[in-house]
C-alpha atoms as a PDB file:
ATOM      1  CA  UNK A   1     -89.183 -70.568 -58.916  1.00  0.00           C
ATOM      2  CA  UNK A   2     -90.157 -67.093 -60.016  1.00  0.00           C
ATOM      3  CA  UNK A   3     -87.992 -64.023 -59.318  1.00  0.00           C
ATOM      4  CA  UNK A   4     -89.359 -60.528 -59.342  1.00  0.00           C
ATOM      5  CA  UNK A   5     -87.105 -57.651 -60.100  1.00  0.00           C
ATOM      6  CA  UNK A   6     -87.082 -54.743 -57.733  1.00  0.00           C
ATOM      7  CA  UNK A   7     -85.180 -51.564 -58.396  1.00  0.00           C
ATOM      8  CA  UNK A   8     -84.175 -49.597 -55.320  1.00  0.00           C
ATOM      9  CA  UNK A   9     -82.856 -46.088 -55.674  1.00  0.00           C
ATOM     10  CA  UNK A  10     -79.576 -45.685 -53.814  1.00  0.00           C
ATOM     11  CA  UNK A  11     -78.394 -42.225 -52.871  1.00  0.00           C
ATOM     12  CA  UNK A  12     -74.720 -42.017 -51.979  1.00  0.00           C
ATOM     13  CA  UNK A  13     -73.313 -39.004 -50.205  1.00  0.00           C
ATOM     14  CA  UNK A  14     -69.543 -38.765 -50.147  1.00  0.00           C
ATOM     15  CA  UNK A  15     -69.686 -36.477 -47.123  1.00  0.00           C
ATOM     16  CA  UNK A  16     -71.545 -38.915 -44.865  1.00  0.00           C
ATOM     17  CA  UNK A  17     -71.009 -42.581 -44.007  1.00  0.00           C
ATOM     18  CA  UNK A  18     -72.558 -44.977 -46.502  1.00  0.00           C
ATOM     19  CA  UNK A  19     -75.394 -47.047 -45.055  1.00  0.00           C
ATOM     20  CA  UNK A  20     -78.155 -48.918 -46.803  1.00  0.00           C
ATOM     21  CA  UNK A  21     -80.588 -51.700 -46.121  1.00  0.00           C
ATOM     22  CA  UNK A  22     -82.912 -53.581 -48.439  1.00  0.00           C
ATOM     23  CA  UNK A  23     -86.541 -53.688 -47.324  1.00  0.00           C
ATOM     24  CA  UNK A  24     -87.367 -56.902 -45.516  1.00  0.00           C
ATOM     25  CA  UNK A  25     -90.296 -57.646 -47.859  1.00  0.00           C
ATOM     26  CA  UNK A  26     -87.954 -58.041 -50.848  1.00  0.00           C
ATOM     27  CA  UNK A  27     -85.708 -60.624 -49.197  1.00  0.00           C
ATOM     28  CA  UNK A  28     -86.401 -64.277 -48.591  1.00  0.00           C
ATOM     29  CA  UNK A  29     -85.195 -64.109 -44.963  1.00  0.00           C
ATOM     30  CA  UNK A  30     -87.513 -61.395 -43.653  1.00  0.00           C
ATOM     31  CA  UNK A  31     -86.164 -61.550 -40.108  1.00  0.00           C
ATOM     32  CA  UNK A  32     -82.594 -60.869 -41.265  1.00  0.00           C
ATOM     33  CA  UNK A  33     -81.647 -57.241 -41.773  1.00  0.00           C
ATOM     34  CA  UNK A  34     -78.672 -56.696 -44.046  1.00  0.00           C
ATOM     35  CA  UNK A  35     -76.776 -53.479 -43.487  1.00  0.00           C
ATOM     36  CA  UNK A  36     -73.523 -52.375 -45.053  1.00  0.00           C
ATOM     37  CA  UNK A  37     -71.744 -49.375 -43.627  1.00  0.00           C
ATOM     38  CA  UNK A  38     -68.451 -47.692 -44.347  1.00  0.00           C
ATOM     39  CA  UNK A  39     -67.031 -45.651 -41.498  1.00  0.00           C
ATOM     40  CA  UNK A  40     -64.652 -43.486 -43.479  1.00  0.00           C
ATOM     41  CA  UNK A  41     -66.374 -40.745 -45.443  1.00  0.00           C
ATOM     42  CA  UNK A  42     -63.089 -39.351 -46.729  1.00  0.00           C
ATOM     43  CA  UNK A  43     -63.323 -40.846 -50.202  1.00  0.00           C
ATOM     44  CA  UNK A  44     -65.031 -43.212 -52.588  1.00  0.00           C
ATOM     45  CA  UNK A  45     -62.515 -46.042 -52.165  1.00  0.00           C
ATOM     46  CA  UNK A  46     -62.715 -45.788 -48.401  1.00  0.00           C
ATOM     47  CA  UNK A  47     -66.517 -45.739 -48.530  1.00  0.00           C
ATOM     48  CA  UNK A  48     -66.590 -48.831 -50.720  1.00  0.00           C
ATOM     49  CA  UNK A  49     -64.008 -50.826 -48.756  1.00  0.00           C
ATOM     50  CA  UNK A  50     -64.614 -49.557 -45.230  1.00  0.00           C
ATOM     51  CA  UNK A  51     -61.040 -48.457 -44.540  1.00  0.00           C
ATOM     52  CA  UNK A  52     -60.489 -46.936 -41.106  1.00  0.00           C
ATOM     53  CA  UNK A  53     -59.593 -43.265 -41.144  1.00  0.00           C
ATOM     54  CA  UNK A  54     -56.012 -42.403 -40.311  1.00  0.00           C
ATOM     55  CA  UNK A  55     -55.739 -39.582 -37.791  1.00  0.00           C
ATOM     56  CA  UNK A  56     -54.293 -36.381 -39.155  1.00  0.00           C
ATOM     57  CA  UNK A  57     -50.678 -35.740 -38.274  1.00  0.00           C
ATOM     58  CA  UNK A  58     -49.722 -32.904 -35.967  1.00  0.00           C
ATOM     59  CA  UNK A  59     -49.767 -29.438 -37.493  1.00  0.00           C
ATOM     60  CA  UNK A  60     -46.102 -28.866 -36.755  1.00  0.00           C
ATOM     61  CA  UNK A  61     -42.958 -30.907 -36.282  1.00  0.00           C
ATOM     62  CA  UNK A  62     -42.152 -31.551 -32.617  1.00  0.00           C
ATOM     63  CA  UNK A  63     -39.125 -29.661 -31.346  1.00  0.00           C
ATOM     64  CA  UNK A  64     -36.364 -31.983 -30.100  1.00  0.00           C
ATOM     65  CA  UNK A  65     -34.223 -30.744 -27.224  1.00  0.00           C
ATOM     66  CA  UNK A  66     -31.626 -32.258 -24.921  1.00  0.00           C
ATOM     67  CA  UNK A  67     -31.291 -31.209 -21.285  1.00  0.00           C
ATOM     68  CA  UNK A  68     -28.304 -28.956 -20.555  1.00  0.00           C
ATOM     69  CA  UNK A  69     -25.072 -30.956 -20.438  1.00  0.00           C
ATOM     70  CA  UNK A  70     -26.407 -33.900 -22.470  1.00  0.00           C
ATOM     71  CA  UNK A  71     -24.804 -34.670 -25.819  1.00  0.00           C
ATOM     72  CA  UNK A  72     -25.545 -37.782 -27.826  1.00  0.00           C
ATOM     73  CA  UNK A  73     -25.834 -37.437 -31.585  1.00  0.00           C
ATOM     74  CA  UNK A  74     -27.391 -40.888 -32.049  1.00  0.00           C
ATOM     75  CA  UNK A  75     -30.160 -40.213 -29.503  1.00  0.00           C
ATOM     76  CA  UNK A  76     -30.822 -36.745 -30.907  1.00  0.00           C
ATOM     77  CA  UNK A  77     -30.946 -38.169 -34.444  1.00  0.00           C
ATOM     78  CA  UNK A  78     -33.389 -40.884 -33.354  1.00  0.00           C
ATOM     79  CA  UNK A  79     -35.763 -38.381 -31.740  1.00  0.00           C
ATOM     80  CA  UNK A  80     -35.616 -36.074 -34.765  1.00  0.00           C
ATOM     81  CA  UNK A  81     -36.502 -39.084 -36.951  1.00  0.00           C
ATOM     82  CA  UNK A  82     -39.299 -40.047 -34.547  1.00  0.00           C
ATOM     83  CA  UNK A  83     -40.727 -36.503 -34.644  1.00  0.00           C
ATOM     84  CA  UNK A  84     -40.674 -36.551 -38.454  1.00  0.00           C
ATOM     85  CA  UNK A  85     -42.292 -40.015 -38.573  1.00  0.00           C
ATOM     86  CA  UNK A  86     -45.120 -38.927 -36.255  1.00  0.00           C
ATOM     87  CA  UNK A  87     -45.734 -35.743 -38.254  1.00  0.00           C
ATOM     88  CA  UNK A  88     -45.850 -37.570 -41.591  1.00  0.00           C
ATOM     89  CA  UNK A  89     -47.634 -40.639 -40.139  1.00  0.00           C
ATOM     90  CA  UNK A  90     -44.995 -42.881 -41.705  1.00  0.00           C
ATOM     91  CA  UNK A  91     -42.940 -45.132 -39.434  1.00  0.00           C
ATOM     92  CA  UNK A  92     -41.131 -46.960 -42.263  1.00  0.00           C
ATOM     93  CA  UNK A  93     -38.043 -44.684 -42.205  1.00  0.00           C
ATOM     94  CA  UNK A  94     -37.501 -45.686 -38.544  1.00  0.00           C
ATOM     95  CA  UNK A  95     -37.482 -49.447 -39.211  1.00  0.00           C
ATOM     96  CA  UNK A  96     -33.676 -49.584 -39.706  1.00  0.00           C
ATOM     97  CA  UNK A  97     -33.355 -47.947 -36.252  1.00  0.00           C
ATOM     98  CA  UNK A  98     -35.095 -50.917 -34.562  1.00  0.00           C
ATOM     99  CA  UNK A  99     -32.977 -53.682 -33.056  1.00  0.00           C
ATOM    100  CA  UNK A 100     -33.605 -57.264 -34.166  1.00  0.00           C
ATOM    101  CA  UNK A 101     -34.808 -57.932 -30.608  1.00  0.00           C
ATOM    102  CA  UNK A 102     -37.144 -54.904 -30.497  1.00  0.00           C
ATOM    103  CA  UNK A 103     -40.328 -55.593 -28.522  1.00  0.00           C
ATOM    104  CA  UNK A 104     -43.685 -53.911 -28.009  1.00  0.00           C
ATOM    105  CA  UNK A 105     -45.172 -54.516 -24.587  1.00  0.00           C
ATOM    106  CA  UNK A 106     -48.442 -56.451 -24.791  1.00  0.00           C
ATOM    107  CA  UNK A 107     -48.171 -57.293 -28.487  1.00  0.00           C
ATOM    108  CA  UNK A 108     -49.555 -60.779 -29.217  1.00  0.00           C
ATOM    109  CA  UNK A 109     -46.784 -63.108 -30.438  1.00  0.00           C
ATOM    110  CA  UNK A 110     -48.570 -63.865 -33.710  1.00  0.00           C
ATOM    111  CA  UNK A 111     -48.486 -60.195 -34.775  1.00  0.00           C
ATOM    112  CA  UNK A 112     -45.606 -58.907 -36.888  1.00  0.00           C
ATOM    113  CA  UNK A 113     -43.537 -56.485 -34.802  1.00  0.00           C
ATOM    114  CA  UNK A 114     -42.337 -54.110 -37.527  1.00  0.00           C
ATOM    115  CA  UNK A 115     -45.752 -53.822 -39.150  1.00  0.00           C
ATOM    116  CA  UNK A 116     -47.269 -53.098 -35.725  1.00  0.00           C
ATOM    117  CA  UNK A 117     -44.619 -50.423 -35.086  1.00  0.00           C
ATOM    118  CA  UNK A 118     -45.425 -48.683 -38.386  1.00  0.00           C
ATOM    119  CA  UNK A 119     -49.166 -48.777 -37.613  1.00  0.00           C
ATOM    120  CA  UNK A 120     -48.574 -47.404 -34.104  1.00  0.00           C
ATOM    121  CA  UNK A 121     -46.550 -44.477 -35.431  1.00  0.00           C
ATOM    122  CA  UNK A 122     -49.491 -43.673 -37.708  1.00  0.00           C
ATOM    123  CA  UNK A 123     -51.852 -43.418 -34.728  1.00  0.00           C
ATOM    124  CA  UNK A 124     -49.767 -41.655 -32.072  1.00  0.00           C
ATOM    125  CA  UNK A 125     -50.771 -38.079 -31.286  1.00  0.00           C
ATOM    126  CA  UNK A 126     -47.844 -35.777 -31.932  1.00  0.00           C
ATOM    127  CA  UNK A 127     -46.279 -33.886 -29.037  1.00  0.00           C
ATOM    128  CA  UNK A 128     -45.234 -30.265 -29.317  1.00  0.00           C
ATOM    129  CA  UNK A 129     -41.785 -31.049 -27.922  1.00  0.00           C
ATOM    130  CA  UNK A 130     -39.618 -34.082 -27.189  1.00  0.00           C
ATOM    131  CA  UNK A 131     -37.145 -33.237 -24.423  1.00  0.00           C
ATOM    132  CA  UNK A 132     -34.425 -35.777 -23.622  1.00  0.00           C
ATOM    133  CA  UNK A 133     -33.930 -35.401 -19.871  1.00  0.00           C
ATOM    134  CA  UNK A 134     -31.463 -38.185 -19.001  1.00  0.00           C
ATOM    135  CA  UNK A 135     -29.198 -40.733 -20.686  1.00  0.00           C
ATOM    136  CA  UNK A 136     -27.891 -43.573 -18.533  1.00  0.00           C
ATOM    137  CA  UNK A 137     -25.601 -46.360 -19.686  1.00  0.00           C
ATOM    138  CA  UNK A 138     -26.225 -49.822 -18.292  1.00  0.00           C
ATOM    139  CA  UNK A 139     -23.578 -52.136 -19.732  1.00  0.00           C
ATOM    140  CA  UNK A 140     -24.083 -52.245 -23.501  1.00  0.00           C
ATOM    141  CA  UNK A 141     -27.508 -50.633 -23.301  1.00  0.00           C
ATOM    142  CA  UNK A 142     -28.454 -46.981 -23.143  1.00  0.00           C
ATOM    143  CA  UNK A 143     -31.570 -45.952 -21.220  1.00  0.00           C
ATOM    144  CA  UNK A 144     -33.053 -42.600 -22.237  1.00  0.00           C
ATOM    145  CA  UNK A 145     -35.734 -40.740 -20.276  1.00  0.00           C
ATOM    146  CA  UNK A 146     -37.657 -38.247 -22.388  1.00  0.00           C
ATOM    147  CA  UNK A 147     -40.518 -35.880 -21.719  1.00  0.00           C
ATOM    148  CA  UNK A 148     -43.104 -35.721 -24.464  1.00  0.00           C
ATOM    149  CA  UNK A 149     -44.728 -32.346 -24.006  1.00  0.00           C
ATOM    150  CA  UNK A 150     -48.262 -31.882 -25.296  1.00  0.00           C
ATOM    151  CA  UNK A 151     -50.395 -28.757 -24.988  1.00  0.00           C
ATOM    152  CA  UNK A 152     -52.312 -30.108 -21.979  1.00  0.00           C
ATOM    153  CA  UNK A 153     -49.909 -32.624 -20.404  1.00  0.00           C
ATOM    154  CA  UNK A 154     -46.379 -33.964 -20.143  1.00  0.00           C
ATOM    155  CA  UNK A 155     -45.661 -37.686 -20.467  1.00  0.00           C
ATOM    156  CA  UNK A 156     -42.315 -39.119 -19.316  1.00  0.00           C
ATOM    157  CA  UNK A 157     -41.268 -42.125 -21.394  1.00  0.00           C
ATOM    158  CA  UNK A 158     -38.301 -44.509 -21.399  1.00  0.00           C
ATOM    159  CA  UNK A 159     -36.436 -45.594 -24.535  1.00  0.00           C
ATOM    160  CA  UNK A 160     -33.822 -48.383 -24.385  1.00  0.00           C
ATOM    161  CA  UNK A 161     -31.118 -48.665 -27.060  1.00  0.00           C
ATOM    162  CA  UNK A 162     -28.532 -51.385 -27.715  1.00  0.00           C
ATOM    163  CA  UNK A 163     -24.775 -50.902 -28.257  1.00  0.00           C
ATOM    164  CA  UNK A 164     -25.398 -50.045 -31.954  1.00  0.00           C
ATOM    165  CA  UNK A 165     -27.916 -47.315 -30.935  1.00  0.00           C
ATOM    166  CA  UNK A 166     -30.884 -49.338 -32.188  1.00  0.00           C
ATOM    167  CA  UNK A 167     -34.140 -49.213 -30.252  1.00  0.00           C
ATOM    168  CA  UNK A 168     -34.751 -52.277 -28.067  1.00  0.00           C
ATOM    169  CA  UNK A 169     -38.007 -51.121 -26.519  1.00  0.00           C
ATOM    170  CA  UNK A 170     -40.027 -48.222 -25.168  1.00  0.00           C
ATOM    171  CA  UNK A 171     -43.098 -47.587 -23.078  1.00  0.00           C
ATOM    172  CA  UNK A 172     -44.051 -44.911 -25.627  1.00  0.00           C
ATOM    173  CA  UNK A 173     -45.576 -47.674 -27.771  1.00  0.00           C
ATOM    174  CA  UNK A 174     -47.441 -50.444 -25.983  1.00  0.00           C
ATOM    175  CA  UNK A 175     -50.465 -52.575 -26.684  1.00  0.00           C
ATOM    176  CA  UNK A 176     -53.362 -52.614 -24.285  1.00  0.00           C
ATOM    177  CA  UNK A 177     -56.345 -54.813 -24.977  1.00  0.00           C
ATOM    178  CA  UNK A 178     -59.703 -53.108 -24.738  1.00  0.00           C
ATOM    179  CA  UNK A 179     -62.170 -54.858 -22.468  1.00  0.00           C
ATOM    180  CA  UNK A 180     -64.729 -57.036 -24.195  1.00  0.00           C
ATOM    181  CA  UNK A 181     -68.033 -55.291 -24.810  1.00  0.00           C
ATOM    182  CA  UNK A 182     -70.738 -55.970 -22.247  1.00  0.00           C
ATOM    183  CA  UNK A 183     -73.397 -58.437 -23.343  1.00  0.00           C
ATOM    184  CA  UNK A 184     -76.694 -56.843 -24.364  1.00  0.00           C
ATOM    185  CA  UNK A 185     -79.080 -56.205 -21.516  1.00  0.00           C
ATOM    186  CA  UNK A 186     -82.059 -58.556 -21.397  1.00  0.00           C
ATOM    187  CA  UNK A 187     -85.240 -57.070 -22.798  1.00  0.00           C
ATOM    188  CA  UNK A 188     -87.688 -56.051 -20.138  1.00  0.00           C
ATOM    189  CA  UNK A 189     -91.287 -57.075 -20.426  1.00  0.00           C
ATOM    190  CA  UNK A 190     -93.038 -53.813 -21.382  1.00  0.00           C
ATOM    191  CA  UNK A 191     -96.532 -55.382 -21.471  1.00  0.00           C
ATOM    192  CA  UNK A 192     -98.119 -54.913 -18.090  1.00  0.00           C
END
């Protein structure tokens, strides 16, 4: 078997996604098109390994307020920590504040809960303000209603804490499966 050497010039731009394809004539499987693409143009390592870009954190730290008449240092401390975690895109400092029975709605059972929490904190858009509107005790649990105020909308979320003020669950972080992509449309017969 005889191999011919072919030198292909490759131009790499660090400001655009990396994409290249070898000409079909130089490959043994001419019907197969090989394409490599990195979706993160933010750096050389990301371009080489295809790491997904992490959204930028909010420009400012969310203000944490409690409605008039509400006082709960543990809840206020949690929300201040949550605001800091969202701004820095680092949920690891909040891990000790999660209860052993913490759950994320919709998370597949085979996924690691704490790792998923840290990843979620890195993707959440940061609100301008977190306003605790109500704190209700239900036995050993504490149910907190908070308004997350963004520039264009207000989202009311529920946070549930155990007797040790550790987070049991929230609808602020949930997992929703994206629908499967539609199958490709059949090719129409253009020869008529």
